[in-house]
């Protein structure tokens, strides 16, 4: 059984609160030492690109840039859905440090091994 926690984030500038909440939960998981990944889908894939975190704020919530760094600095990963990056023209060389493009096989394999999936839609 896997201890991995996968937090699905399908939002960015379109809904800052949902984007920030997903990264806040993932940050907590990574800080607790759990294997952690944020799976960015749909418009969330922009979060893993240069400038993708800029302007994403919600009063009363922490900085998404700080949360992103907390995830990565504590061993977590930011996965960008390959199916979602393709129509947006995002390629691997455009990913910021800590982010990478993954295919569905990666996610399916992790879930099949027992990873827990939390979705912030």
C-alpha atoms as a PDB file:
ATOM      1  CA  UNK A   1       0.000   0.000   0.000  1.00  0.00           C
ATOM      2  CA  UNK A   2       1.365   3.375  -1.012  1.00  0.00           C
ATOM      3  CA  UNK A   3       1.578   6.334   1.366  1.00  0.00           C
ATOM      4  CA  UNK A   4       1.579   8.783  -1.555  1.00  0.00           C
ATOM      5  CA  UNK A   5      -0.885  11.641  -1.427  1.00  0.00           C
ATOM      6  CA  UNK A   6      -1.970  13.154  -4.750  1.00  0.00           C
ATOM      7  CA  UNK A   7      -3.774  16.504  -4.690  1.00  0.00           C
ATOM      8  CA  UNK A   8      -5.609  17.344  -7.912  1.00  0.00           C
ATOM      9  CA  UNK A   9      -5.665  21.036  -8.824  1.00  0.00           C
ATOM     10  CA  UNK A  10      -7.594  21.984 -11.955  1.00  0.00           C
ATOM     11  CA  UNK A  11      -7.587  25.730 -11.348  1.00  0.00           C
ATOM     12  CA  UNK A  12      -5.205  28.669 -11.501  1.00  0.00           C
ATOM     13  CA  UNK A  13      -6.063  32.279 -12.275  1.00  0.00           C
ATOM     14  CA  UNK A  14      -9.639  31.240 -13.083  1.00  0.00           C
ATOM     15  CA  UNK A  15     -10.267  30.330  -9.418  1.00  0.00           C
ATOM     16  CA  UNK A  16      -7.422  31.354  -7.079  1.00  0.00           C
ATOM     17  CA  UNK A  17      -9.096  29.985  -3.957  1.00  0.00           C
ATOM     18  CA  UNK A  18      -9.353  26.438  -5.307  1.00  0.00           C
ATOM     19  CA  UNK A  19      -5.769  26.559  -6.590  1.00  0.00           C
ATOM     20  CA  UNK A  20      -4.404  27.817  -3.266  1.00  0.00           C
ATOM     21  CA  UNK A  21      -6.388  25.337  -1.155  1.00  0.00           C
ATOM     22  CA  UNK A  22      -5.021  22.378  -3.153  1.00  0.00           C
ATOM     23  CA  UNK A  23      -1.447  23.597  -2.650  1.00  0.00           C
ATOM     24  CA  UNK A  24      -2.085  24.349   1.040  1.00  0.00           C
ATOM     25  CA  UNK A  25      -3.190  20.765   1.628  1.00  0.00           C
ATOM     26  CA  UNK A  26      -0.268  19.408  -0.410  1.00  0.00           C
ATOM     27  CA  UNK A  27       2.155  21.612   1.511  1.00  0.00           C
ATOM     28  CA  UNK A  28       0.853  20.186   4.785  1.00  0.00           C
ATOM     29  CA  UNK A  29       1.282  16.662   3.444  1.00  0.00           C
ATOM     30  CA  UNK A  30       4.848  17.294   2.254  1.00  0.00           C
ATOM     31  CA  UNK A  31       5.777  19.008   5.532  1.00  0.00           C
ATOM     32  CA  UNK A  32       4.492  15.892   7.336  1.00  0.00           C
ATOM     33  CA  UNK A  33       6.982  13.835   5.344  1.00  0.00           C
ATOM     34  CA  UNK A  34       4.454  12.012   3.198  1.00  0.00           C
ATOM     35  CA  UNK A  35       5.230  11.307  -0.457  1.00  0.00           C
ATOM     36  CA  UNK A  36       3.274  14.127  -2.084  1.00  0.00           C
ATOM     37  CA  UNK A  37       2.329  15.201  -5.580  1.00  0.00           C
ATOM     38  CA  UNK A  38       0.084  17.961  -6.861  1.00  0.00           C
ATOM     39  CA  UNK A  39      -1.521  16.860 -10.120  1.00  0.00           C
ATOM     40  CA  UNK A  40      -2.293  20.000 -12.100  1.00  0.00           C
ATOM     41  CA  UNK A  41      -4.966  19.509 -14.732  1.00  0.00           C
ATOM     42  CA  UNK A  42      -6.937  21.743 -17.105  1.00  0.00           C
ATOM     43  CA  UNK A  43      -6.045  25.416 -16.321  1.00  0.00           C
ATOM     44  CA  UNK A  44      -4.017  24.298 -13.314  1.00  0.00           C
ATOM     45  CA  UNK A  45      -1.178  23.262 -15.638  1.00  0.00           C
ATOM     46  CA  UNK A  46      -0.190  26.917 -16.028  1.00  0.00           C
ATOM     47  CA  UNK A  47       0.909  26.876 -12.356  1.00  0.00           C
ATOM     48  CA  UNK A  48       3.996  24.870 -13.302  1.00  0.00           C
ATOM     49  CA  UNK A  49       5.211  27.381 -15.883  1.00  0.00           C
ATOM     50  CA  UNK A  50       7.253  30.585 -15.475  1.00  0.00           C
ATOM     51  CA  UNK A  51       4.938  33.317 -14.198  1.00  0.00           C
ATOM     52  CA  UNK A  52       2.126  30.819 -13.712  1.00  0.00           C
ATOM     53  CA  UNK A  53       1.772  31.656 -10.019  1.00  0.00           C
ATOM     54  CA  UNK A  54       1.805  35.418 -10.556  1.00  0.00           C
ATOM     55  CA  UNK A  55      -1.356  37.259  -9.542  1.00  0.00           C
ATOM     56  CA  UNK A  56      -2.991  34.243  -7.906  1.00  0.00           C
ATOM     57  CA  UNK A  57      -4.108  35.570  -4.547  1.00  0.00           C
ATOM     58  CA  UNK A  58      -7.053  35.304  -2.212  1.00  0.00           C
ATOM     59  CA  UNK A  59      -7.407  37.449   0.879  1.00  0.00           C
ATOM     60  CA  UNK A  60      -6.975  35.408   4.031  1.00  0.00           C
ATOM     61  CA  UNK A  61      -5.084  32.595   2.287  1.00  0.00           C
ATOM     62  CA  UNK A  62      -1.320  32.002   2.115  1.00  0.00           C
ATOM     63  CA  UNK A  63       0.792  32.764  -0.926  1.00  0.00           C
ATOM     64  CA  UNK A  64       0.510  30.055  -3.576  1.00  0.00           C
ATOM     65  CA  UNK A  65       4.151  30.690  -4.523  1.00  0.00           C
ATOM     66  CA  UNK A  66       5.214  29.952  -0.936  1.00  0.00           C
ATOM     67  CA  UNK A  67       3.048  26.836  -0.847  1.00  0.00           C
ATOM     68  CA  UNK A  68       4.473  25.622  -4.167  1.00  0.00           C
ATOM     69  CA  UNK A  69       8.003  26.059  -2.773  1.00  0.00           C
ATOM     70  CA  UNK A  70       7.034  24.267   0.456  1.00  0.00           C
ATOM     71  CA  UNK A  71       5.793  21.277  -1.532  1.00  0.00           C
ATOM     72  CA  UNK A  72       8.935  21.050  -3.663  1.00  0.00           C
ATOM     73  CA  UNK A  73      11.406  21.924  -0.886  1.00  0.00           C
ATOM     74  CA  UNK A  74       9.944  19.140   1.256  1.00  0.00           C
ATOM     75  CA  UNK A  75      10.300  16.430  -1.372  1.00  0.00           C
ATOM     76  CA  UNK A  76       6.957  16.804  -3.115  1.00  0.00           C
ATOM     77  CA  UNK A  77       6.403  17.061  -6.836  1.00  0.00           C
ATOM     78  CA  UNK A  78       4.164  19.093  -9.098  1.00  0.00           C
ATOM     79  CA  UNK A  79       2.821  16.964 -11.920  1.00  0.00           C
ATOM     80  CA  UNK A  80       1.340  18.628 -14.975  1.00  0.00           C
ATOM     81  CA  UNK A  81      -1.152  16.509 -16.908  1.00  0.00           C
ATOM     82  CA  UNK A  82       0.258  15.699 -20.331  1.00  0.00           C
ATOM     83  CA  UNK A  83      -3.161  15.617 -21.959  1.00  0.00           C
ATOM     84  CA  UNK A  84      -3.857  19.094 -20.543  1.00  0.00           C
ATOM     85  CA  UNK A  85      -0.483  20.645 -21.390  1.00  0.00           C
ATOM     86  CA  UNK A  86      -0.604  19.552 -25.035  1.00  0.00           C
ATOM     87  CA  UNK A  87      -3.487  21.798 -26.242  1.00  0.00           C
ATOM     88  CA  UNK A  88      -1.986  24.710 -24.305  1.00  0.00           C
ATOM     89  CA  UNK A  89       1.369  24.309 -26.033  1.00  0.00           C
ATOM     90  CA  UNK A  90       3.235  23.705 -22.782  1.00  0.00           C
ATOM     91  CA  UNK A  91       6.343  21.561 -23.156  1.00  0.00           C
ATOM     92  CA  UNK A  92       8.748  20.011 -20.631  1.00  0.00           C
ATOM     93  CA  UNK A  93      11.329  22.737 -21.225  1.00  0.00           C
ATOM     94  CA  UNK A  94       8.771  25.317 -20.021  1.00  0.00           C
ATOM     95  CA  UNK A  95       8.300  23.677 -16.606  1.00  0.00           C
ATOM     96  CA  UNK A  96       9.631  25.465 -13.537  1.00  0.00           C
ATOM     97  CA  UNK A  97      11.917  23.573 -11.130  1.00  0.00           C
ATOM     98  CA  UNK A  98       9.887  20.983  -9.238  1.00  0.00           C
ATOM     99  CA  UNK A  99       7.262  20.626 -11.968  1.00  0.00           C
ATOM    100  CA  UNK A 100       7.155  18.031 -14.707  1.00  0.00           C
ATOM    101  CA  UNK A 101       4.732  16.749 -17.302  1.00  0.00           C
ATOM    102  CA  UNK A 102       3.353  13.268 -16.587  1.00  0.00           C
ATOM    103  CA  UNK A 103       1.065  10.975 -18.493  1.00  0.00           C
ATOM    104  CA  UNK A 104      -2.055   9.250 -17.295  1.00  0.00           C
ATOM    105  CA  UNK A 105      -0.091   6.013 -16.860  1.00  0.00           C
ATOM    106  CA  UNK A 106       1.906   7.607 -14.022  1.00  0.00           C
ATOM    107  CA  UNK A 107      -1.217   8.621 -12.120  1.00  0.00           C
ATOM    108  CA  UNK A 108      -3.022   5.345 -12.767  1.00  0.00           C
ATOM    109  CA  UNK A 109      -0.004   3.365 -11.597  1.00  0.00           C
ATOM    110  CA  UNK A 110       0.237   5.378  -8.372  1.00  0.00           C
ATOM    111  CA  UNK A 111      -3.477   5.005  -7.630  1.00  0.00           C
ATOM    112  CA  UNK A 112      -3.354   1.266  -8.413  1.00  0.00           C
ATOM    113  CA  UNK A 113      -0.544   0.993  -5.846  1.00  0.00           C
ATOM    114  CA  UNK A 114      -2.742   2.641  -3.230  1.00  0.00           C
ATOM    115  CA  UNK A 115      -2.025   6.378  -3.492  1.00  0.00           C
ATOM    116  CA  UNK A 116      -4.733   8.571  -2.001  1.00  0.00           C
ATOM    117  CA  UNK A 117      -6.267  11.089  -4.371  1.00  0.00           C
ATOM    118  CA  UNK A 118      -7.820  14.342  -3.140  1.00  0.00           C
ATOM    119  CA  UNK A 119      -9.516  16.623  -5.652  1.00  0.00           C
ATOM    120  CA  UNK A 120     -10.116  20.344  -5.305  1.00  0.00           C
ATOM    121  CA  UNK A 121     -12.584  21.119  -8.084  1.00  0.00           C
END
